[in-house]
Amino acid sequence: MAAPAWPARNVAILGFVFSVALAVVLWRLNWLIGNGGGPFTQGDWLVNLQSGLVRRGVAGEVFLAVSDATGIGLLPLVGGVQAVLVVAIFAMIFHGALLARLPDRLLLILVSPLLVTFWAIDSVGAFRKELLGLLAFLPLLPQGRGRVAAWLVPVLFAVAVAAHEANAFFAPALCVGVMIRFGAEAPERRMRMVAVILAIGVLGFGFAIQYRSLPDTVAMCVALTARGLSPEICGGAIDWMDDPAGSARGPLRNLLDRYSQTAAALVFGALLVPVALAYRHAPKTRLWLAAGAVVFAGFLPLYAVAVDWGRWMSMFMFSAAFLTMLLAIHTEAGWLRRPVPPMVFGAVLVMSGGLGVYHYGGLPMPGFVPVVADIAARKLVGVGLLP
């Protein structure tokens, strides 16, 4: 049977949204690197082992070693890696969407403000180490026998978990992706990959618990300032390495009021509408509900330990997007290709363009369209549209 044609409207919409979002994201990244870097957006990548063995420290040691060996400054080096990862993720998602023939239901997930436009809307929630976790999904997308994916996915996942323990919570989604990608054609390979992924997640998180903090981070910070960085780079993720629980306790307590919880829940519920639409006519409804519950539950512990609820929502939505693409690429999934009624399609697009999610608490904020309009107004006439 011939593959369905690409719907020109959907390709045009996705191409426009991704092009503008990528331009904004790279512009924000360039500004951050040129202005000393962010204590979380770049500082988290520079957590190192100079003060002792601690979670997330391996990545910082790699950056220190490469910077010393090549003479490239730490911030340009981190920014370059972040830019490469961002571009790779944008490109592979767009390529995967084309392989999936981009039905309406997939498009509405891919333009969600919890996907790539999340990084354009809130730069503090962007450029974080979950970029590495997302990278682990990419080898599953291309068609073929999957021999490369069989070893590359666990390797990329191990790198991601070593860099940041939050990536361990991608394990359930990655396992579901492996089950979809390999189906019944390679049961031994599929189960071997699932076992390895789960083992990496458990071991990585266990290491993070065992080495969760240090008595102080002075030597860690000195390693950066001695190489020309401002001490302010140590004021975010690095500072948290000496008191992670205490640092999170106050902000988490502030989020546990009724307004914040209700606002975050309503926003997340609204932004799950595209996922509900995508799977509305799926067969084996209970199976997919169970799979979705497992993937969602995988991220639940993060809400209890850190305030970046918007990031955790985004990680779930990225997982849903990858799994939906895998279904469209590697299975028949004719139900995914059923068109969405025009009024519903338009309403979801408007919501996705207008509503944004703040990384802190998952609270609502102006969305992609008003943020881009504000940036354009500030550049063209010197006056912004948003406060």
Protein backbone atom coordinates (compact mmCIF):
# COMPACT_ATOMS: atom_id res chain seq x y z
CA MET A 1 0.00 0.00 0.00
CA ALA A 2 1.35 3.42 -0.96
CA ALA A 3 2.30 5.74 1.88
CA PRO A 4 -0.13 8.60 2.47
CA ALA A 5 0.89 11.95 1.01
CA TRP A 6 2.26 14.72 3.16
CA PRO A 7 -0.52 17.20 3.97
CA ALA A 8 0.91 20.48 2.65
CA ARG A 9 -0.95 22.58 5.24
CA ASN A 10 0.45 20.62 8.17
CA VAL A 11 4.01 20.65 6.81
CA ALA A 12 3.78 24.42 6.28
CA ILE A 13 2.48 25.01 9.83
CA LEU A 14 5.09 22.81 11.45
CA GLY A 15 7.89 24.24 9.30
CA PHE A 16 6.93 27.81 10.21
CA VAL A 17 6.57 27.10 13.94
CA PHE A 18 9.83 25.14 14.13
CA SER A 19 11.79 27.73 12.10
CA VAL A 20 10.66 30.65 14.24
CA ALA A 21 11.08 28.70 17.48
CA LEU A 22 14.59 27.57 16.54
CA ALA A 23 15.60 31.13 15.64
CA VAL A 24 14.30 32.45 18.97
CA VAL A 25 15.90 29.63 20.99
CA LEU A 26 19.33 30.11 19.37
CA TRP A 27 19.05 33.89 19.74
CA ARG A 28 18.32 33.49 23.46
CA LEU A 29 21.20 31.04 23.83
CA ASN A 30 23.61 33.43 22.11
CA TRP A 31 22.50 36.22 24.44
CA LEU A 32 22.99 34.04 27.51
CA ILE A 33 26.49 32.96 26.49
CA GLY A 34 27.43 36.54 25.65
CA ASN A 35 26.25 37.77 29.05
CA GLY A 36 28.06 35.39 31.35
CA GLY A 37 25.71 32.40 31.19
CA GLY A 38 22.83 31.46 33.46
CA PRO A 39 23.36 29.88 36.89
CA PHE A 40 20.95 27.11 35.92
CA THR A 41 20.90 27.08 32.11
CA GLN A 42 24.69 26.82 31.84
CA GLY A 43 25.71 26.39 35.47
CA ASP A 44 24.08 22.97 35.74
CA TRP A 45 26.27 21.71 32.89
CA LEU A 46 29.35 22.86 34.82
CA VAL A 47 28.70 21.00 38.09
CA ASN A 48 32.02 19.19 38.54
CA LEU A 49 33.89 16.90 40.93
CA GLN A 50 36.45 19.37 42.27
CA SER A 51 34.71 19.48 45.66
CA GLY A 52 34.22 15.71 45.76
CA LEU A 53 32.14 12.94 44.21
CA VAL A 54 28.61 14.20 43.54
CA ARG A 55 25.69 13.63 41.18
CA ARG A 56 25.85 15.45 37.82
CA GLY A 57 29.56 16.11 38.25
CA VAL A 58 30.87 13.97 35.41
CA ALA A 59 29.60 16.34 32.72
CA GLY A 60 31.38 19.29 34.29
CA GLU A 61 34.63 17.35 34.46
CA VAL A 62 34.36 16.60 30.74
CA PHE A 63 33.86 20.29 29.96
CA LEU A 64 36.81 21.27 32.16
CA ALA A 65 39.07 18.72 30.47
CA VAL A 66 38.05 19.66 26.92
CA SER A 67 38.35 23.37 27.66
CA ASP A 68 41.83 22.93 29.12
CA ALA A 69 42.95 20.73 26.22
CA THR A 70 41.60 22.94 23.43
CA GLY A 71 41.77 26.43 24.89
CA ILE A 72 38.08 26.99 24.14
CA GLY A 73 36.34 28.94 26.90
CA LEU A 74 33.93 27.03 29.12
CA LEU A 75 30.87 29.10 28.22
CA PRO A 76 31.37 28.93 24.44
CA LEU A 77 31.99 25.20 24.82
CA VAL A 78 28.79 24.61 26.82
CA GLY A 79 26.83 26.90 24.51
CA GLY A 80 28.14 25.09 21.45
CA VAL A 81 27.08 21.71 22.84
CA GLN A 82 23.66 23.09 23.77
CA ALA A 83 23.21 24.56 20.28
CA VAL A 84 24.15 21.27 18.60
CA LEU A 85 21.73 19.34 20.80
CA VAL A 86 18.89 21.80 20.20
CA VAL A 87 19.39 21.80 16.43
CA ALA A 88 19.63 17.99 16.36
CA ILE A 89 16.40 17.60 18.31
CA PHE A 90 14.52 20.12 16.15
CA ALA A 91 15.81 18.49 12.96
CA MET A 92 15.11 14.90 14.00
CA ILE A 93 11.61 15.68 15.26
CA PHE A 94 10.82 17.44 11.99
CA HIS A 95 12.29 14.52 10.04
CA GLY A 96 10.31 12.07 12.16
CA ALA A 97 7.14 14.08 11.53
CA LEU A 98 7.74 13.80 7.78
CA LEU A 99 8.37 10.06 8.07
CA ALA A 100 5.04 9.84 9.92
CA ARG A 101 3.36 11.78 7.08
CA LEU A 102 2.32 14.39 9.67
CA PRO A 103 -1.37 13.69 10.28
CA ASP A 104 -3.47 16.35 12.01
CA ARG A 105 -3.35 14.57 15.35
CA LEU A 106 0.44 14.40 15.42
CA LEU A 107 0.80 18.02 14.31
CA LEU A 108 -1.31 19.26 17.24
CA ILE A 109 1.03 17.50 19.66
CA LEU A 110 4.18 18.81 17.96
CA VAL A 111 3.10 22.47 18.17
CA SER A 112 2.24 22.17 21.87
CA PRO A 113 3.76 24.88 24.10
CA LEU A 114 5.23 22.03 26.12
CA LEU A 115 7.36 20.91 23.18
CA VAL A 116 10.06 22.93 21.38
CA THR A 117 8.21 26.23 21.75
CA PHE A 118 8.52 25.76 25.52
CA TRP A 119 12.21 26.62 25.09
CA ALA A 120 11.37 29.76 23.11
CA ILE A 121 8.76 30.94 25.63
CA ASP A 122 10.82 30.52 28.81
CA SER A 123 14.58 30.56 28.31
CA VAL A 124 15.26 29.65 31.96
CA GLY A 125 13.49 26.36 31.35
CA ALA A 126 15.49 25.76 28.17
CA PHE A 127 18.98 24.36 27.53
CA ARG A 128 18.80 21.99 30.49
CA LYS A 129 20.27 18.50 30.62
CA GLU A 130 17.02 16.80 29.61
CA LEU A 131 18.22 17.63 26.09
CA LEU A 132 20.42 14.57 26.53
CA GLY A 133 17.47 12.46 27.63
CA LEU A 134 15.51 13.50 24.55
CA LEU A 135 18.48 12.59 22.37
CA ALA A 136 18.11 8.96 23.45
CA PHE A 137 14.73 8.71 21.68
CA LEU A 138 16.03 9.89 18.31
CA PRO A 139 17.64 6.62 17.06
CA LEU A 140 14.24 4.91 17.38
CA LEU A 141 12.63 7.15 14.75
CA PRO A 142 14.29 6.09 11.44
CA GLN A 143 12.97 3.10 9.56
CA GLY A 144 15.11 0.02 9.03
CA ARG A 145 16.22 -3.02 10.99
CA GLY A 146 17.18 -0.98 14.04
CA ARG A 147 20.57 -2.56 14.73
CA VAL A 148 22.17 0.83 15.37
CA ALA A 149 19.31 1.88 17.63
CA ALA A 150 19.68 -1.32 19.65
CA TRP A 151 23.06 -0.20 21.04
CA LEU A 152 22.90 3.58 20.54
CA VAL A 153 19.73 4.14 22.60
CA PRO A 154 21.17 2.59 25.82
CA VAL A 155 24.49 4.42 25.32
CA LEU A 156 22.80 7.80 24.89
CA PHE A 157 20.50 7.10 27.83
CA ALA A 158 23.47 6.21 30.04
CA VAL A 159 25.18 9.49 29.11
CA ALA A 160 21.99 11.40 29.87
CA VAL A 161 21.49 9.77 33.29
CA ALA A 162 25.15 10.29 34.20
CA ALA A 163 24.78 13.98 33.39
CA HIS A 164 21.54 14.50 35.35
CA GLU A 165 19.52 12.07 37.45
CA ALA A 166 16.18 13.53 36.26
CA ASN A 167 16.80 11.81 32.92
CA ALA A 168 16.37 8.46 34.68
CA PHE A 169 12.63 9.20 34.75
CA PHE A 170 12.52 8.95 30.96
CA ALA A 171 13.07 5.19 31.38
CA PRO A 172 9.38 4.12 31.27
CA ALA A 173 8.72 6.21 28.15
CA LEU A 174 11.89 4.95 26.48
CA CYS A 175 10.91 1.35 27.25
CA VAL A 176 7.46 1.90 25.71
CA GLY A 177 9.19 3.41 22.68
CA VAL A 178 11.40 0.34 22.32
CA MET A 179 8.34 -1.93 22.52
CA ILE A 180 6.64 0.06 19.74
CA ARG A 181 9.75 0.34 17.57
CA PHE A 182 10.65 -3.34 17.56
CA GLY A 183 7.16 -4.80 17.97
CA ALA A 184 7.09 -8.55 17.59
CA GLU A 185 9.87 -8.71 15.00
CA ALA A 186 12.78 -8.87 17.48
CA PRO A 187 11.47 -9.92 20.90
CA GLU A 188 14.88 -10.82 22.33
CA ARG A 189 16.44 -7.52 21.28
CA ARG A 190 13.41 -5.65 22.60
CA MET A 191 13.48 -7.26 26.04
CA ARG A 192 17.25 -6.93 26.29
CA MET A 193 17.02 -3.20 25.57
CA VAL A 194 14.20 -2.74 28.10
CA ALA A 195 16.24 -4.52 30.79
CA VAL A 196 19.33 -2.44 30.08
CA ILE A 197 17.38 0.84 30.07
CA LEU A 198 15.70 0.05 33.38
CA ALA A 199 19.02 -0.99 34.91
CA ILE A 200 20.67 2.26 33.79
CA GLY A 201 17.80 4.28 35.25
CA VAL A 202 17.87 2.48 38.61
CA LEU A 203 21.67 2.55 38.95
CA GLY A 204 21.89 6.19 37.88
CA PHE A 205 19.24 7.31 40.31
CA GLY A 206 20.76 5.20 43.07
CA PHE A 207 24.10 6.92 42.49
CA ALA A 208 22.39 10.33 42.66
CA ILE A 209 20.83 9.46 46.02
CA GLN A 210 24.09 8.11 47.42
CA TYR A 211 26.07 11.18 46.28
CA ARG A 212 23.35 13.79 46.37
CA SER A 213 25.25 16.62 48.08
CA LEU A 214 28.58 17.94 49.38
CA PRO A 215 29.63 19.79 52.55
CA ASP A 216 30.47 22.80 50.37
CA THR A 217 30.98 23.73 46.73
CA VAL A 218 33.86 26.19 47.08
CA ALA A 219 36.40 24.18 45.08
CA MET A 220 33.74 23.41 42.46
CA CYS A 221 33.12 27.11 41.95
CA VAL A 222 36.80 28.07 42.08
CA ALA A 223 37.46 25.65 39.21
CA LEU A 224 35.15 27.81 37.10
CA THR A 225 36.14 31.28 38.26
CA ALA A 226 39.82 30.38 37.78
CA ARG A 227 38.96 29.82 34.13
CA GLY A 228 37.40 33.25 33.71
CA LEU A 229 33.75 32.71 34.65
CA SER A 230 31.85 35.06 36.92
CA PRO A 231 31.09 33.80 40.46
CA GLU A 232 27.41 34.34 39.58
CA ILE A 233 27.51 31.15 37.51
CA CYS A 234 27.71 29.29 40.84
CA GLY A 235 24.53 30.85 42.24
CA GLY A 236 22.08 28.29 40.88
CA ALA A 237 22.55 24.57 40.29
CA ILE A 238 26.03 24.55 41.80
CA ASP A 239 24.84 26.08 45.07
CA TRP A 240 22.16 23.40 45.26
CA MET A 241 24.83 20.72 45.42
CA ASP A 242 25.55 21.51 49.08
CA ASP A 243 21.91 21.58 50.28
CA PRO A 244 19.55 20.19 47.65
CA ALA A 245 16.66 19.35 49.95
CA GLY A 246 16.81 22.60 51.91
CA SER A 247 17.12 24.70 48.77
CA ALA A 248 14.00 23.14 47.31
CA ARG A 249 11.89 23.10 50.47
CA GLY A 250 10.94 26.80 50.52
CA PRO A 251 9.96 27.13 46.85
CA LEU A 252 8.05 23.84 46.99
CA ARG A 253 6.13 25.03 50.05
CA ASN A 254 5.18 28.19 48.14
CA LEU A 255 3.77 26.06 45.32
CA LEU A 256 1.63 23.99 47.65
CA ASP A 257 -1.10 26.61 47.88
CA ARG A 258 -4.46 25.97 46.30
CA TYR A 259 -4.11 28.62 43.57
CA SER A 260 -0.76 27.35 42.26
CA GLN A 261 -1.83 23.73 42.26
CA THR A 262 -5.13 24.51 40.55
CA ALA A 263 -3.53 26.77 37.94
CA ALA A 264 -0.84 24.22 37.08
CA ALA A 265 -3.37 21.39 36.90
CA LEU A 266 -5.73 23.36 34.65
CA VAL A 267 -2.92 24.37 32.30
CA PHE A 268 -1.56 20.85 32.08
CA GLY A 269 -5.06 19.45 31.57
CA ALA A 270 -5.74 21.89 28.73
CA LEU A 271 -2.44 21.07 27.05
CA LEU A 272 -3.17 17.34 27.21
CA VAL A 273 -6.11 17.88 24.83
CA PRO A 274 -3.94 17.19 21.72
CA VAL A 275 -2.83 13.88 23.24
CA ALA A 276 -6.44 12.94 24.01
CA LEU A 277 -7.41 13.84 20.44
CA ALA A 278 -4.57 11.77 19.01
CA TYR A 279 -5.62 8.62 20.85
CA ARG A 280 -9.36 9.16 20.79
CA HIS A 281 -10.00 6.43 18.20
CA ALA A 282 -7.12 4.13 19.13
CA PRO A 283 -7.94 0.43 19.46
CA LYS A 284 -7.06 -1.32 22.72
CA THR A 285 -7.96 1.85 24.65
CA ARG A 286 -7.14 0.30 28.01
CA LEU A 287 -3.68 -0.67 26.79
CA TRP A 288 -2.83 2.87 25.69
CA LEU A 289 -4.33 4.38 28.83
CA ALA A 290 -2.15 2.05 30.87
CA ALA A 291 0.94 2.94 28.82
CA GLY A 292 0.20 6.65 29.22
CA ALA A 293 -0.30 6.22 32.95
CA VAL A 294 3.04 4.42 33.27
CA VAL A 295 4.85 7.15 31.32
CA PHE A 296 3.15 9.90 33.35
CA ALA A 297 3.81 8.14 36.66
CA GLY A 298 7.47 7.90 35.72
CA PHE A 299 7.81 11.67 36.12
CA LEU A 300 5.66 12.07 39.25
CA PRO A 301 8.54 11.85 41.78
CA LEU A 302 10.12 14.93 40.20
CA TYR A 303 7.17 17.11 41.26
CA ALA A 304 7.87 16.29 44.90
CA VAL A 305 11.56 17.23 44.88
CA ALA A 306 11.93 20.28 42.61
CA VAL A 307 9.85 23.30 41.62
CA ASP A 308 10.43 23.08 37.86
CA TRP A 309 6.99 21.60 37.24
CA GLY A 310 6.84 23.12 33.75
CA ARG A 311 9.94 21.17 32.79
CA TRP A 312 8.45 17.93 34.09
CA MET A 313 5.26 18.60 32.10
CA SER A 314 7.43 19.23 29.04
CA MET A 315 9.32 15.97 29.53
CA PHE A 316 6.02 14.08 29.55
CA MET A 317 4.78 15.87 26.42
CA PHE A 318 8.05 15.18 24.58
CA SER A 319 7.64 11.51 25.53
CA ALA A 320 4.06 11.51 24.20
CA ALA A 321 5.24 13.14 20.97
CA PHE A 322 8.02 10.60 20.40
CA LEU A 323 5.73 7.64 21.14
CA THR A 324 3.06 9.00 18.79
CA MET A 325 5.63 9.47 16.02
CA LEU A 326 6.90 5.93 16.55
CA LEU A 327 3.37 4.58 16.20
CA ALA A 328 2.81 6.56 13.01
CA ILE A 329 6.17 5.54 11.51
CA HIS A 330 6.50 1.90 12.54
CA THR A 331 2.90 0.65 12.74
CA GLU A 332 -0.20 0.93 10.59
CA ALA A 333 -2.07 3.12 13.13
CA GLY A 334 -4.71 4.21 10.65
CA TRP A 335 -6.65 5.74 13.51
CA LEU A 336 -3.93 8.37 13.88
CA ARG A 337 -4.59 9.58 10.34
CA ARG A 338 -8.24 10.39 10.87
CA PRO A 339 -8.65 14.14 10.27
CA VAL A 340 -9.48 16.48 13.12
CA PRO A 341 -12.64 18.60 12.55
CA PRO A 342 -11.61 22.08 11.32
CA MET A 343 -13.13 23.96 14.26
CA VAL A 344 -11.40 21.70 16.78
CA PHE A 345 -8.13 21.87 14.82
CA GLY A 346 -8.25 25.68 14.78
CA ALA A 347 -9.20 25.97 18.45
CA VAL A 348 -6.30 23.76 19.55
CA LEU A 349 -3.86 25.71 17.36
CA VAL A 350 -5.04 29.00 18.87
CA MET A 351 -4.68 27.61 22.39
CA SER A 352 -1.20 26.28 21.63
CA GLY A 353 -0.11 29.61 20.19
CA GLY A 354 -1.52 31.77 22.96
CA LEU A 355 -0.94 29.77 26.14
CA GLY A 356 2.51 29.28 27.60
CA VAL A 357 3.87 27.39 30.59
CA TYR A 358 6.40 28.82 33.03
CA HIS A 359 9.11 26.38 34.09
CA TYR A 360 8.56 27.40 37.72
CA GLY A 361 5.49 25.60 38.99
CA GLY A 362 4.03 24.96 35.54
CA LEU A 363 2.09 28.20 35.92
CA PRO A 364 0.44 29.89 32.92
CA MET A 365 2.24 32.66 31.05
CA PRO A 366 1.98 34.34 27.61
CA GLY A 367 2.48 31.80 24.87
CA PHE A 368 4.55 31.46 21.72
CA VAL A 369 2.69 33.99 19.57
CA PRO A 370 2.67 36.86 22.12
CA VAL A 371 6.30 36.16 23.10
CA VAL A 372 7.48 36.23 19.47
CA ALA A 373 5.41 39.37 18.84
CA ASP A 374 6.99 40.99 21.90
CA ILE A 375 10.51 40.15 20.70
CA ALA A 376 9.73 41.52 17.23
CA ALA A 377 8.27 44.75 18.66
CA ARG A 378 11.29 45.32 20.89
CA LYS A 379 13.63 44.79 17.95
CA LEU A 380 11.68 46.90 15.45
CA VAL A 381 10.31 49.80 17.50
CA GLY A 382 12.11 49.47 20.82
CA VAL A 383 8.93 48.94 22.83
CA GLY A 384 7.74 45.55 24.03
CA LEU A 385 4.17 44.28 24.11
CA LEU A 386 4.56 42.28 27.32
CA PRO A 387 5.47 43.58 30.77
